[in-house]
Amino acid sequence: MYTALVILAEGFEELEAIAPIDLLRRAGVNVTVAALAETIHVTGRNAITLHADSPLSAVGDRLFDLLLIPGGPGVKLLRADPRVRALVLAHHAAHRWLAAICAAPTVFHDAGVLAGRRYTAHFSVANELPALLGDERTVADGHLLTSRGAGTAVDFGLLLVEKLVSPQAALDIAQSICA
C-alpha cells in the first residue's frame, strides 16, 4: 500500500488539503495527516478545524511515498520550520513524490528543489517564484507535482493518484465523482 504524508499548519487552505486527502484515500493510499504544532487539531483559513492523525513530531524522519503540502496563509509557518525543510530534502533525495499547491511551492523553493524544474503556484507568490507556469492548473516534472490553488484541488488530487497509484485509478475515481 502506498503512503502519503500531509502536513497542516494553522491557516492551511482547506480545499487544498481535503480534496487531495479524500482522493488519495479513495485510491487506497494510507494518508497520514500531521499537524505542524504539538496538537492534533488544526484550523484552516476558513475556520474549519481538522483532526490530524498526529503531530509532526510523532512522524520523525520517516519517509513516505508522497509528501504533500497544502497552501494558504499557514505556509509561512511551514517555511519557518526546519523539520519541514528536512522532510522535503529527505524525500527529494530519495526520489519520493513531492507535491505542493497554491503558495506551498515556496517551501520547495526555500529547500532548493525547484531549480531547473517546471512548476506552478498561486499568482500571489509569483514575485518569489518568477519561473512559475501561471497558466497551468497542475504541473508534473519528474517527482515534483504542483498546482495553482483551491480551484485546482480536485485536478491536483487526481494527478497525485495518477502518479502515485496509476492512471487507471485516477480515471476511475474521476468518473465516480463526475470530475
N, C-alpha and C. Protein backbone atom coordinates (compact mmCIF):
# COMPACT_ATOMS: atom_id res chain seq x y z
N MET A 1 0.84 -1.18 0.00
CA MET A 1 0.00 0.00 0.00
C MET A 1 0.89 1.25 0.00
N TYR A 2 0.53 2.21 -0.81
CA TYR A 2 1.28 3.45 -0.89
C TYR A 2 0.98 4.31 0.34
N THR A 3 1.94 5.18 0.69
CA THR A 3 1.79 6.04 1.85
C THR A 3 1.96 7.50 1.44
N ALA A 4 1.28 8.38 2.16
CA ALA A 4 1.40 9.81 1.91
C ALA A 4 1.39 10.53 3.25
N LEU A 5 2.16 11.60 3.32
CA LEU A 5 2.18 12.48 4.48
C LEU A 5 1.69 13.85 4.05
N VAL A 6 0.69 14.38 4.76
CA VAL A 6 0.18 15.72 4.52
C VAL A 6 0.45 16.53 5.78
N ILE A 7 1.15 17.65 5.63
CA ILE A 7 1.49 18.48 6.78
C ILE A 7 0.56 19.70 6.80
N LEU A 8 -0.13 19.88 7.93
CA LEU A 8 -1.05 21.00 8.09
C LEU A 8 -0.55 21.98 9.14
N ALA A 9 -0.51 23.24 8.76
CA ALA A 9 -0.19 24.32 9.71
C ALA A 9 -1.44 25.16 9.89
N GLU A 10 -1.55 25.82 11.03
CA GLU A 10 -2.67 26.73 11.26
C GLU A 10 -2.79 27.68 10.07
N GLY A 11 -4.00 27.84 9.55
CA GLY A 11 -4.23 28.72 8.42
C GLY A 11 -4.11 28.03 7.07
N PHE A 12 -4.04 26.68 7.06
CA PHE A 12 -3.97 25.96 5.78
C PHE A 12 -5.24 26.21 4.98
N GLU A 13 -5.14 26.04 3.67
CA GLU A 13 -6.30 26.20 2.78
C GLU A 13 -7.05 24.86 2.76
N GLU A 14 -8.26 24.86 3.28
CA GLU A 14 -9.00 23.61 3.48
C GLU A 14 -9.19 22.79 2.21
N LEU A 15 -9.64 23.41 1.13
CA LEU A 15 -9.87 22.64 -0.11
C LEU A 15 -8.60 21.98 -0.61
N GLU A 16 -7.48 22.66 -0.45
CA GLU A 16 -6.21 22.15 -0.94
C GLU A 16 -5.70 20.97 -0.14
N ALA A 17 -6.20 20.80 1.06
CA ALA A 17 -5.86 19.64 1.88
C ALA A 17 -6.90 18.54 1.73
N ILE A 18 -8.16 18.91 1.90
CA ILE A 18 -9.21 17.91 1.97
C ILE A 18 -9.42 17.19 0.64
N ALA A 19 -9.46 17.91 -0.47
CA ALA A 19 -9.70 17.25 -1.77
C ALA A 19 -8.61 16.21 -2.08
N PRO A 20 -7.32 16.56 -2.01
CA PRO A 20 -6.31 15.54 -2.28
C PRO A 20 -6.32 14.38 -1.27
N ILE A 21 -6.52 14.69 0.02
CA ILE A 21 -6.58 13.61 1.02
C ILE A 21 -7.71 12.64 0.67
N ASP A 22 -8.88 13.18 0.38
CA ASP A 22 -10.04 12.36 0.03
C ASP A 22 -9.74 11.48 -1.19
N LEU A 23 -9.21 12.09 -2.25
CA LEU A 23 -8.97 11.33 -3.47
C LEU A 23 -7.88 10.28 -3.29
N LEU A 24 -6.85 10.61 -2.55
CA LEU A 24 -5.80 9.61 -2.27
C LEU A 24 -6.36 8.44 -1.47
N ARG A 25 -7.19 8.73 -0.49
CA ARG A 25 -7.78 7.65 0.31
C ARG A 25 -8.74 6.81 -0.52
N ARG A 26 -9.47 7.42 -1.44
CA ARG A 26 -10.33 6.64 -2.34
C ARG A 26 -9.51 5.66 -3.17
N ALA A 27 -8.26 6.04 -3.45
CA ALA A 27 -7.37 5.19 -4.25
C ALA A 27 -6.64 4.15 -3.39
N GLY A 28 -6.94 4.13 -2.10
CA GLY A 28 -6.33 3.13 -1.23
C GLY A 28 -5.00 3.54 -0.62
N VAL A 29 -4.65 4.80 -0.76
CA VAL A 29 -3.38 5.28 -0.19
C VAL A 29 -3.55 5.48 1.32
N ASN A 30 -2.56 5.06 2.08
CA ASN A 30 -2.55 5.26 3.52
C ASN A 30 -2.03 6.67 3.77
N VAL A 31 -2.94 7.61 4.03
CA VAL A 31 -2.59 9.02 4.20
C VAL A 31 -2.47 9.34 5.69
N THR A 32 -1.33 9.89 6.07
CA THR A 32 -1.11 10.38 7.43
C THR A 32 -1.18 11.90 7.39
N VAL A 33 -2.10 12.46 8.17
CA VAL A 33 -2.23 13.90 8.28
C VAL A 33 -1.53 14.31 9.57
N ALA A 34 -0.49 15.16 9.42
CA ALA A 34 0.29 15.58 10.58
C ALA A 34 0.14 17.07 10.81
N ALA A 35 -0.11 17.43 12.05
CA ALA A 35 -0.21 18.83 12.45
C ALA A 35 1.18 19.36 12.72
N LEU A 36 1.49 20.53 12.20
CA LEU A 36 2.80 21.13 12.43
C LEU A 36 3.04 21.39 13.92
N ALA A 37 2.02 21.85 14.61
CA ALA A 37 2.13 22.14 16.04
C ALA A 37 1.97 20.86 16.86
N GLU A 38 2.13 20.98 18.15
CA GLU A 38 2.03 19.82 19.05
C GLU A 38 0.58 19.57 19.47
N THR A 39 -0.30 19.56 18.53
CA THR A 39 -1.71 19.31 18.77
C THR A 39 -2.21 18.47 17.61
N ILE A 40 -3.39 17.92 17.72
CA ILE A 40 -3.93 17.18 16.58
C ILE A 40 -5.09 17.93 15.93
N HIS A 41 -5.41 19.11 16.44
CA HIS A 41 -6.46 19.92 15.84
C HIS A 41 -5.82 21.12 15.16
N VAL A 42 -6.13 21.27 13.88
CA VAL A 42 -5.55 22.35 13.09
C VAL A 42 -6.68 23.10 12.41
N THR A 43 -6.70 24.41 12.57
CA THR A 43 -7.77 25.23 11.99
C THR A 43 -7.27 25.91 10.73
N GLY A 44 -8.05 25.76 9.67
CA GLY A 44 -7.70 26.34 8.38
C GLY A 44 -8.09 27.80 8.29
N ARG A 45 -7.80 28.37 7.13
CA ARG A 45 -8.04 29.81 6.92
C ARG A 45 -9.51 30.18 6.99
N ASN A 46 -10.40 29.22 6.77
CA ASN A 46 -11.83 29.49 6.79
C ASN A 46 -12.52 28.92 8.03
N ALA A 47 -11.73 28.77 9.09
CA ALA A 47 -12.22 28.35 10.41
C ALA A 47 -12.78 26.93 10.44
N ILE A 48 -12.33 26.07 9.52
CA ILE A 48 -12.68 24.65 9.57
C ILE A 48 -11.52 23.95 10.27
N THR A 49 -11.84 23.24 11.34
CA THR A 49 -10.80 22.56 12.12
C THR A 49 -10.76 21.08 11.73
N LEU A 50 -9.57 20.62 11.35
CA LEU A 50 -9.37 19.22 11.02
C LEU A 50 -8.68 18.51 12.17
N HIS A 51 -9.01 17.27 12.31
CA HIS A 51 -8.42 16.40 13.32
C HIS A 51 -7.28 15.64 12.62
N ALA A 52 -6.05 16.01 12.90
CA ALA A 52 -4.90 15.33 12.30
C ALA A 52 -4.70 13.97 12.96
N ASP A 53 -3.94 13.12 12.29
CA ASP A 53 -3.63 11.80 12.85
C ASP A 53 -2.61 11.90 13.97
N SER A 54 -1.70 12.87 13.84
CA SER A 54 -0.66 13.03 14.85
C SER A 54 0.02 14.38 14.67
N PRO A 55 0.76 14.82 15.68
CA PRO A 55 1.61 15.98 15.46
C PRO A 55 2.81 15.55 14.59
N LEU A 56 3.39 16.51 13.90
CA LEU A 56 4.54 16.20 13.04
C LEU A 56 5.68 15.59 13.83
N SER A 57 5.84 15.99 15.07
CA SER A 57 6.93 15.45 15.89
C SER A 57 6.86 13.93 16.02
N ALA A 58 5.65 13.36 15.96
CA ALA A 58 5.49 11.90 16.06
C ALA A 58 5.89 11.19 14.78
N VAL A 59 5.93 11.92 13.67
CA VAL A 59 6.31 11.33 12.37
C VAL A 59 7.81 11.14 12.30
N GLY A 60 8.55 12.06 12.91
CA GLY A 60 10.00 11.98 12.89
C GLY A 60 10.54 12.16 11.49
N ASP A 61 11.53 11.35 11.14
CA ASP A 61 12.15 11.47 9.82
C ASP A 61 11.72 10.34 8.88
N ARG A 62 10.59 9.72 9.18
CA ARG A 62 10.06 8.63 8.36
C ARG A 62 9.79 9.12 6.94
N LEU A 63 10.12 8.29 5.96
CA LEU A 63 9.85 8.61 4.56
C LEU A 63 8.53 8.00 4.12
N PHE A 64 7.82 8.73 3.27
CA PHE A 64 6.56 8.29 2.69
C PHE A 64 6.73 8.25 1.18
N ASP A 65 5.80 7.63 0.49
CA ASP A 65 5.86 7.61 -0.97
C ASP A 65 5.56 8.99 -1.55
N LEU A 66 4.78 9.79 -0.81
CA LEU A 66 4.37 11.12 -1.24
C LEU A 66 4.37 12.06 -0.05
N LEU A 67 4.95 13.24 -0.23
CA LEU A 67 4.87 14.31 0.75
C LEU A 67 4.06 15.43 0.13
N LEU A 68 2.94 15.79 0.76
CA LEU A 68 2.02 16.79 0.24
C LEU A 68 1.94 17.98 1.19
N ILE A 69 2.09 19.17 0.62
CA ILE A 69 1.99 20.39 1.41
C ILE A 69 0.92 21.29 0.81
N PRO A 70 -0.21 21.47 1.52
CA PRO A 70 -1.25 22.40 1.06
C PRO A 70 -0.80 23.85 1.29
N GLY A 71 -1.47 24.77 0.61
CA GLY A 71 -1.14 26.19 0.73
C GLY A 71 -2.00 26.90 1.74
N GLY A 72 -2.13 28.20 1.53
CA GLY A 72 -2.86 29.05 2.44
C GLY A 72 -1.91 29.87 3.30
N PRO A 73 -2.46 30.74 4.14
CA PRO A 73 -1.62 31.59 4.99
C PRO A 73 -0.68 30.81 5.91
N GLY A 74 -1.02 29.57 6.24
CA GLY A 74 -0.18 28.75 7.10
C GLY A 74 1.16 28.38 6.49
N VAL A 75 1.34 28.63 5.20
CA VAL A 75 2.61 28.30 4.55
C VAL A 75 3.77 29.02 5.23
N LYS A 76 3.54 30.21 5.73
CA LYS A 76 4.64 30.94 6.40
C LYS A 76 5.17 30.15 7.59
N LEU A 77 4.30 29.42 8.30
CA LEU A 77 4.72 28.59 9.42
C LEU A 77 5.53 27.39 8.94
N LEU A 78 5.11 26.81 7.82
CA LEU A 78 5.84 25.68 7.24
C LEU A 78 7.23 26.10 6.79
N ARG A 79 7.31 27.28 6.19
CA ARG A 79 8.60 27.79 5.69
C ARG A 79 9.57 28.05 6.83
N ALA A 80 9.05 28.40 7.99
CA ALA A 80 9.89 28.73 9.13
C ALA A 80 10.33 27.52 9.95
N ASP A 81 9.77 26.35 9.65
CA ASP A 81 10.04 25.17 10.48
C ASP A 81 11.13 24.30 9.84
N PRO A 82 12.26 24.14 10.48
CA PRO A 82 13.35 23.35 9.89
C PRO A 82 13.01 21.88 9.69
N ARG A 83 12.05 21.36 10.44
CA ARG A 83 11.65 19.96 10.24
C ARG A 83 11.01 19.76 8.88
N VAL A 84 10.25 20.74 8.43
CA VAL A 84 9.59 20.65 7.13
C VAL A 84 10.64 20.65 6.02
N ARG A 85 11.59 21.57 6.13
CA ARG A 85 12.68 21.61 5.15
C ARG A 85 13.43 20.28 5.11
N ALA A 86 13.73 19.73 6.29
CA ALA A 86 14.45 18.46 6.36
C ALA A 86 13.66 17.33 5.70
N LEU A 87 12.34 17.31 5.92
CA LEU A 87 11.50 16.28 5.30
C LEU A 87 11.46 16.45 3.78
N VAL A 88 11.36 17.70 3.31
CA VAL A 88 11.36 17.95 1.87
C VAL A 88 12.67 17.45 1.26
N LEU A 89 13.78 17.80 1.88
CA LEU A 89 15.09 17.40 1.34
C LEU A 89 15.27 15.88 1.38
N ALA A 90 14.83 15.24 2.44
CA ALA A 90 14.96 13.78 2.55
C ALA A 90 14.11 13.07 1.50
N HIS A 91 12.88 13.54 1.30
CA HIS A 91 12.02 12.94 0.28
C HIS A 91 12.56 13.20 -1.12
N HIS A 92 13.09 14.39 -1.33
CA HIS A 92 13.69 14.73 -2.63
C HIS A 92 14.90 13.83 -2.91
N ALA A 93 15.77 13.67 -1.93
CA ALA A 93 16.97 12.85 -2.10
C ALA A 93 16.61 11.39 -2.38
N ALA A 94 15.51 10.93 -1.82
CA ALA A 94 15.06 9.55 -2.02
C ALA A 94 14.18 9.39 -3.26
N HIS A 95 14.03 10.46 -4.02
CA HIS A 95 13.20 10.46 -5.23
C HIS A 95 11.76 10.03 -4.96
N ARG A 96 11.24 10.49 -3.83
CA ARG A 96 9.83 10.27 -3.50
C ARG A 96 9.03 11.42 -4.10
N TRP A 97 7.74 11.21 -4.26
CA TRP A 97 6.88 12.26 -4.81
C TRP A 97 6.81 13.43 -3.84
N LEU A 98 6.99 14.64 -4.37
CA LEU A 98 6.83 15.89 -3.64
C LEU A 98 5.69 16.65 -4.29
N ALA A 99 4.72 17.07 -3.49
CA ALA A 99 3.55 17.76 -4.03
C ALA A 99 3.25 19.00 -3.21
N ALA A 100 2.97 20.11 -3.92
CA ALA A 100 2.63 21.36 -3.24
C ALA A 100 1.64 22.13 -4.10
N ILE A 101 0.74 22.83 -3.43
CA ILE A 101 -0.31 23.58 -4.12
C ILE A 101 -0.39 24.99 -3.55
N CYS A 102 -0.77 25.93 -4.40
CA CYS A 102 -1.01 27.32 -4.03
C CYS A 102 0.31 28.00 -3.67
N ALA A 103 0.46 28.49 -2.46
CA ALA A 103 1.70 29.14 -2.03
C ALA A 103 2.74 28.13 -1.55
N ALA A 104 2.36 26.89 -1.36
CA ALA A 104 3.26 25.88 -0.80
C ALA A 104 4.50 25.57 -1.65
N PRO A 105 4.50 25.76 -2.98
CA PRO A 105 5.75 25.56 -3.70
C PRO A 105 6.89 26.45 -3.20
N THR A 106 6.56 27.52 -2.46
CA THR A 106 7.63 28.34 -1.87
C THR A 106 8.44 27.54 -0.85
N VAL A 107 7.81 26.56 -0.21
CA VAL A 107 8.52 25.68 0.72
C VAL A 107 9.58 24.90 -0.05
N PHE A 108 9.21 24.42 -1.24
CA PHE A 108 10.17 23.69 -2.08
C PHE A 108 11.26 24.63 -2.59
N HIS A 109 10.87 25.85 -2.93
CA HIS A 109 11.84 26.85 -3.37
C HIS A 109 12.88 27.11 -2.28
N ASP A 110 12.41 27.30 -1.05
CA ASP A 110 13.31 27.54 0.07
C ASP A 110 14.29 26.38 0.27
N ALA A 111 13.83 25.17 -0.02
CA ALA A 111 14.68 23.98 0.14
C ALA A 111 15.58 23.75 -1.08
N GLY A 112 15.39 24.55 -2.13
CA GLY A 112 16.23 24.44 -3.31
C GLY A 112 15.86 23.35 -4.30
N VAL A 113 14.65 22.82 -4.19
CA VAL A 113 14.28 21.70 -5.08
C VAL A 113 13.53 22.15 -6.34
N LEU A 114 13.27 23.44 -6.50
CA LEU A 114 12.59 23.91 -7.71
C LEU A 114 13.56 24.29 -8.83
N ALA A 115 14.81 24.44 -8.52
CA ALA A 115 15.79 24.89 -9.51
C ALA A 115 15.80 23.97 -10.74
N GLY A 116 15.62 24.58 -11.91
CA GLY A 116 15.63 23.82 -13.16
C GLY A 116 14.39 22.98 -13.41
N ARG A 117 13.38 23.14 -12.59
CA ARG A 117 12.14 22.36 -12.71
C ARG A 117 11.00 23.22 -13.26
N ARG A 118 10.02 22.54 -13.87
CA ARG A 118 8.78 23.18 -14.27
C ARG A 118 7.81 23.06 -13.09
N TYR A 119 7.10 24.15 -12.79
CA TYR A 119 6.17 24.13 -11.67
C TYR A 119 5.17 25.27 -11.83
N THR A 120 4.09 25.16 -11.07
CA THR A 120 3.12 26.24 -10.98
C THR A 120 2.85 26.54 -9.51
N ALA A 121 2.16 27.63 -9.28
CA ALA A 121 1.81 28.05 -7.91
C ALA A 121 0.79 29.16 -8.03
N HIS A 122 0.32 29.63 -6.91
CA HIS A 122 -0.65 30.72 -6.87
C HIS A 122 0.02 32.03 -7.30
N PHE A 123 -0.72 32.86 -8.01
CA PHE A 123 -0.17 34.12 -8.51
C PHE A 123 0.35 35.02 -7.39
N SER A 124 -0.13 34.84 -6.17
CA SER A 124 0.30 35.69 -5.06
C SER A 124 1.77 35.51 -4.69
N VAL A 125 2.38 34.42 -5.14
CA VAL A 125 3.80 34.18 -4.84
C VAL A 125 4.66 34.28 -6.10
N ALA A 126 4.10 34.84 -7.17
CA ALA A 126 4.85 34.94 -8.43
C ALA A 126 6.14 35.75 -8.28
N ASN A 127 6.14 36.74 -7.40
CA ASN A 127 7.36 37.53 -7.21
C ASN A 127 8.48 36.70 -6.60
N GLU A 128 8.15 35.68 -5.83
CA GLU A 128 9.16 34.79 -5.25
C GLU A 128 9.51 33.64 -6.19
N LEU A 129 8.60 33.32 -7.08
CA LEU A 129 8.78 32.17 -7.98
C LEU A 129 8.62 32.63 -9.42
N PRO A 130 9.55 33.42 -9.94
CA PRO A 130 9.37 34.02 -11.27
C PRO A 130 9.29 33.02 -12.42
N ALA A 131 9.73 31.78 -12.21
CA ALA A 131 9.66 30.79 -13.29
C ALA A 131 8.35 29.99 -13.27
N LEU A 132 7.41 30.37 -12.39
CA LEU A 132 6.18 29.57 -12.31
C LEU A 132 5.38 29.67 -13.61
N LEU A 133 4.73 28.59 -13.93
CA LEU A 133 3.88 28.50 -15.12
C LEU A 133 2.47 28.86 -14.69
N GLY A 134 2.15 30.13 -14.71
CA GLY A 134 0.91 30.65 -14.15
C GLY A 134 -0.36 30.24 -14.84
N ASP A 135 -0.28 29.77 -16.07
CA ASP A 135 -1.48 29.36 -16.78
C ASP A 135 -1.78 27.86 -16.63
N GLU A 136 -0.90 27.13 -16.00
CA GLU A 136 -1.08 25.68 -15.84
C GLU A 136 -1.82 25.38 -14.54
N ARG A 137 -2.84 24.52 -14.63
CA ARG A 137 -3.59 24.13 -13.43
C ARG A 137 -2.76 23.20 -12.54
N THR A 138 -2.08 22.27 -13.16
CA THR A 138 -1.18 21.35 -12.47
C THR A 138 0.04 21.15 -13.35
N VAL A 139 1.17 20.86 -12.71
CA VAL A 139 2.40 20.59 -13.45
C VAL A 139 3.10 19.41 -12.79
N ALA A 140 3.52 18.46 -13.61
CA ALA A 140 4.33 17.33 -13.15
C ALA A 140 5.69 17.43 -13.83
N ASP A 141 6.74 17.43 -13.04
CA ASP A 141 8.11 17.45 -13.56
C ASP A 141 8.92 16.48 -12.71
N GLY A 142 9.20 15.32 -13.29
CA GLY A 142 9.88 14.29 -12.51
C GLY A 142 9.02 13.91 -11.32
N HIS A 143 9.61 13.92 -10.13
CA HIS A 143 8.85 13.55 -8.93
C HIS A 143 8.26 14.77 -8.22
N LEU A 144 8.23 15.91 -8.92
CA LEU A 144 7.69 17.16 -8.37
C LEU A 144 6.33 17.45 -9.00
N LEU A 145 5.31 17.60 -8.13
CA LEU A 145 3.93 17.84 -8.57
C LEU A 145 3.43 19.12 -7.92
N THR A 146 2.95 20.07 -8.75
CA THR A 146 2.48 21.35 -8.21
C THR A 146 1.14 21.72 -8.82
N SER A 147 0.45 22.63 -8.13
CA SER A 147 -0.84 23.08 -8.60
C SER A 147 -1.07 24.52 -8.15
N ARG A 148 -2.00 25.22 -8.82
CA ARG A 148 -2.18 26.66 -8.63
C ARG A 148 -2.91 27.08 -7.37
N GLY A 149 -3.97 26.38 -6.99
CA GLY A 149 -4.72 26.85 -5.83
C GLY A 149 -5.98 26.07 -5.57
N ALA A 150 -6.81 26.59 -4.68
CA ALA A 150 -8.01 25.88 -4.24
C ALA A 150 -8.89 25.43 -5.40
N GLY A 151 -8.99 26.26 -6.44
CA GLY A 151 -9.82 25.92 -7.59
C GLY A 151 -9.28 24.77 -8.42
N THR A 152 -8.05 24.37 -8.18
CA THR A 152 -7.45 23.25 -8.93
C THR A 152 -7.23 22.03 -8.04
N ALA A 153 -7.79 22.04 -6.83
CA ALA A 153 -7.52 20.99 -5.84
C ALA A 153 -7.96 19.60 -6.29
N VAL A 154 -9.10 19.49 -6.96
CA VAL A 154 -9.54 18.17 -7.43
C VAL A 154 -8.63 17.68 -8.56
N ASP A 155 -8.31 18.56 -9.51
CA ASP A 155 -7.37 18.19 -10.56
C ASP A 155 -6.05 17.72 -9.96
N PHE A 156 -5.59 18.45 -8.97
CA PHE A 156 -4.33 18.13 -8.30
C PHE A 156 -4.41 16.77 -7.61
N GLY A 157 -5.48 16.55 -6.87
CA GLY A 157 -5.65 15.26 -6.20
C GLY A 157 -5.67 14.10 -7.17
N LEU A 158 -6.33 14.30 -8.31
CA LEU A 158 -6.35 13.24 -9.33
C LEU A 158 -4.96 13.02 -9.93
N LEU A 159 -4.18 14.11 -10.09
CA LEU A 159 -2.81 13.97 -10.57
C LEU A 159 -1.98 13.16 -9.57
N LEU A 160 -2.16 13.41 -8.29
CA LEU A 160 -1.43 12.66 -7.28
C LEU A 160 -1.78 11.18 -7.36
N VAL A 161 -3.05 10.85 -7.51
CA VAL A 161 -3.48 9.46 -7.65
C VAL A 161 -2.87 8.85 -8.91
N GLU A 162 -2.91 9.59 -10.02
CA GLU A 162 -2.36 9.10 -11.28
C GLU A 162 -0.89 8.74 -11.13
N LYS A 163 -0.12 9.61 -10.52
CA LYS A 163 1.32 9.40 -10.42
C LYS A 163 1.68 8.37 -9.36
N LEU A 164 1.01 8.41 -8.22
CA LEU A 164 1.35 7.51 -7.13
C LEU A 164 0.78 6.11 -7.33
N VAL A 165 -0.48 6.02 -7.74
CA VAL A 165 -1.15 4.72 -7.85
C VAL A 165 -1.16 4.25 -9.30
N SER A 166 -1.94 4.92 -10.15
CA SER A 166 -1.97 4.57 -11.57
C SER A 166 -2.91 5.52 -12.32
N PRO A 167 -2.69 5.69 -13.62
CA PRO A 167 -3.62 6.49 -14.42
C PRO A 167 -5.04 5.91 -14.38
N GLN A 168 -5.15 4.59 -14.37
CA GLN A 168 -6.48 3.97 -14.35
C GLN A 168 -7.22 4.29 -13.05
N ALA A 169 -6.51 4.25 -11.94
CA ALA A 169 -7.14 4.58 -10.66
C ALA A 169 -7.65 6.02 -10.68
N ALA A 170 -6.85 6.93 -11.23
CA ALA A 170 -7.28 8.33 -11.33
C ALA A 170 -8.51 8.47 -12.22
N LEU A 171 -8.52 7.77 -13.33
CA LEU A 171 -9.67 7.82 -14.24
C LEU A 171 -10.92 7.25 -13.57
N ASP A 172 -10.77 6.12 -12.90
CA ASP A 172 -11.92 5.50 -12.22
C ASP A 172 -12.49 6.44 -11.15
N ILE A 173 -11.63 7.07 -10.39
CA ILE A 173 -12.08 7.98 -9.34
C ILE A 173 -12.73 9.21 -9.96
N ALA A 174 -12.10 9.76 -11.00
CA ALA A 174 -12.67 10.93 -11.67
C ALA A 174 -14.07 10.63 -12.18
N GLN A 175 -14.26 9.46 -12.76
CA GLN A 175 -15.59 9.10 -13.24
C GLN A 175 -16.58 8.94 -12.08
N SER A 176 -16.12 8.37 -10.98
CA SER A 176 -17.02 8.13 -9.85
C SER A 176 -17.47 9.42 -9.17
N ILE A 177 -16.66 10.49 -9.28
CA ILE A 177 -17.02 11.76 -8.65
C ILE A 177 -17.51 12.79 -9.69
N CYS A 178 -17.66 12.34 -10.93
CA CYS A 178 -18.15 13.20 -12.02
C CYS A 178 -17.19 14.37 -12.31
N ALA A 179 -15.91 14.11 -12.22
CA ALA A 179 -14.91 15.16 -12.50
C ALA A 179 -14.65 15.24 -13.99
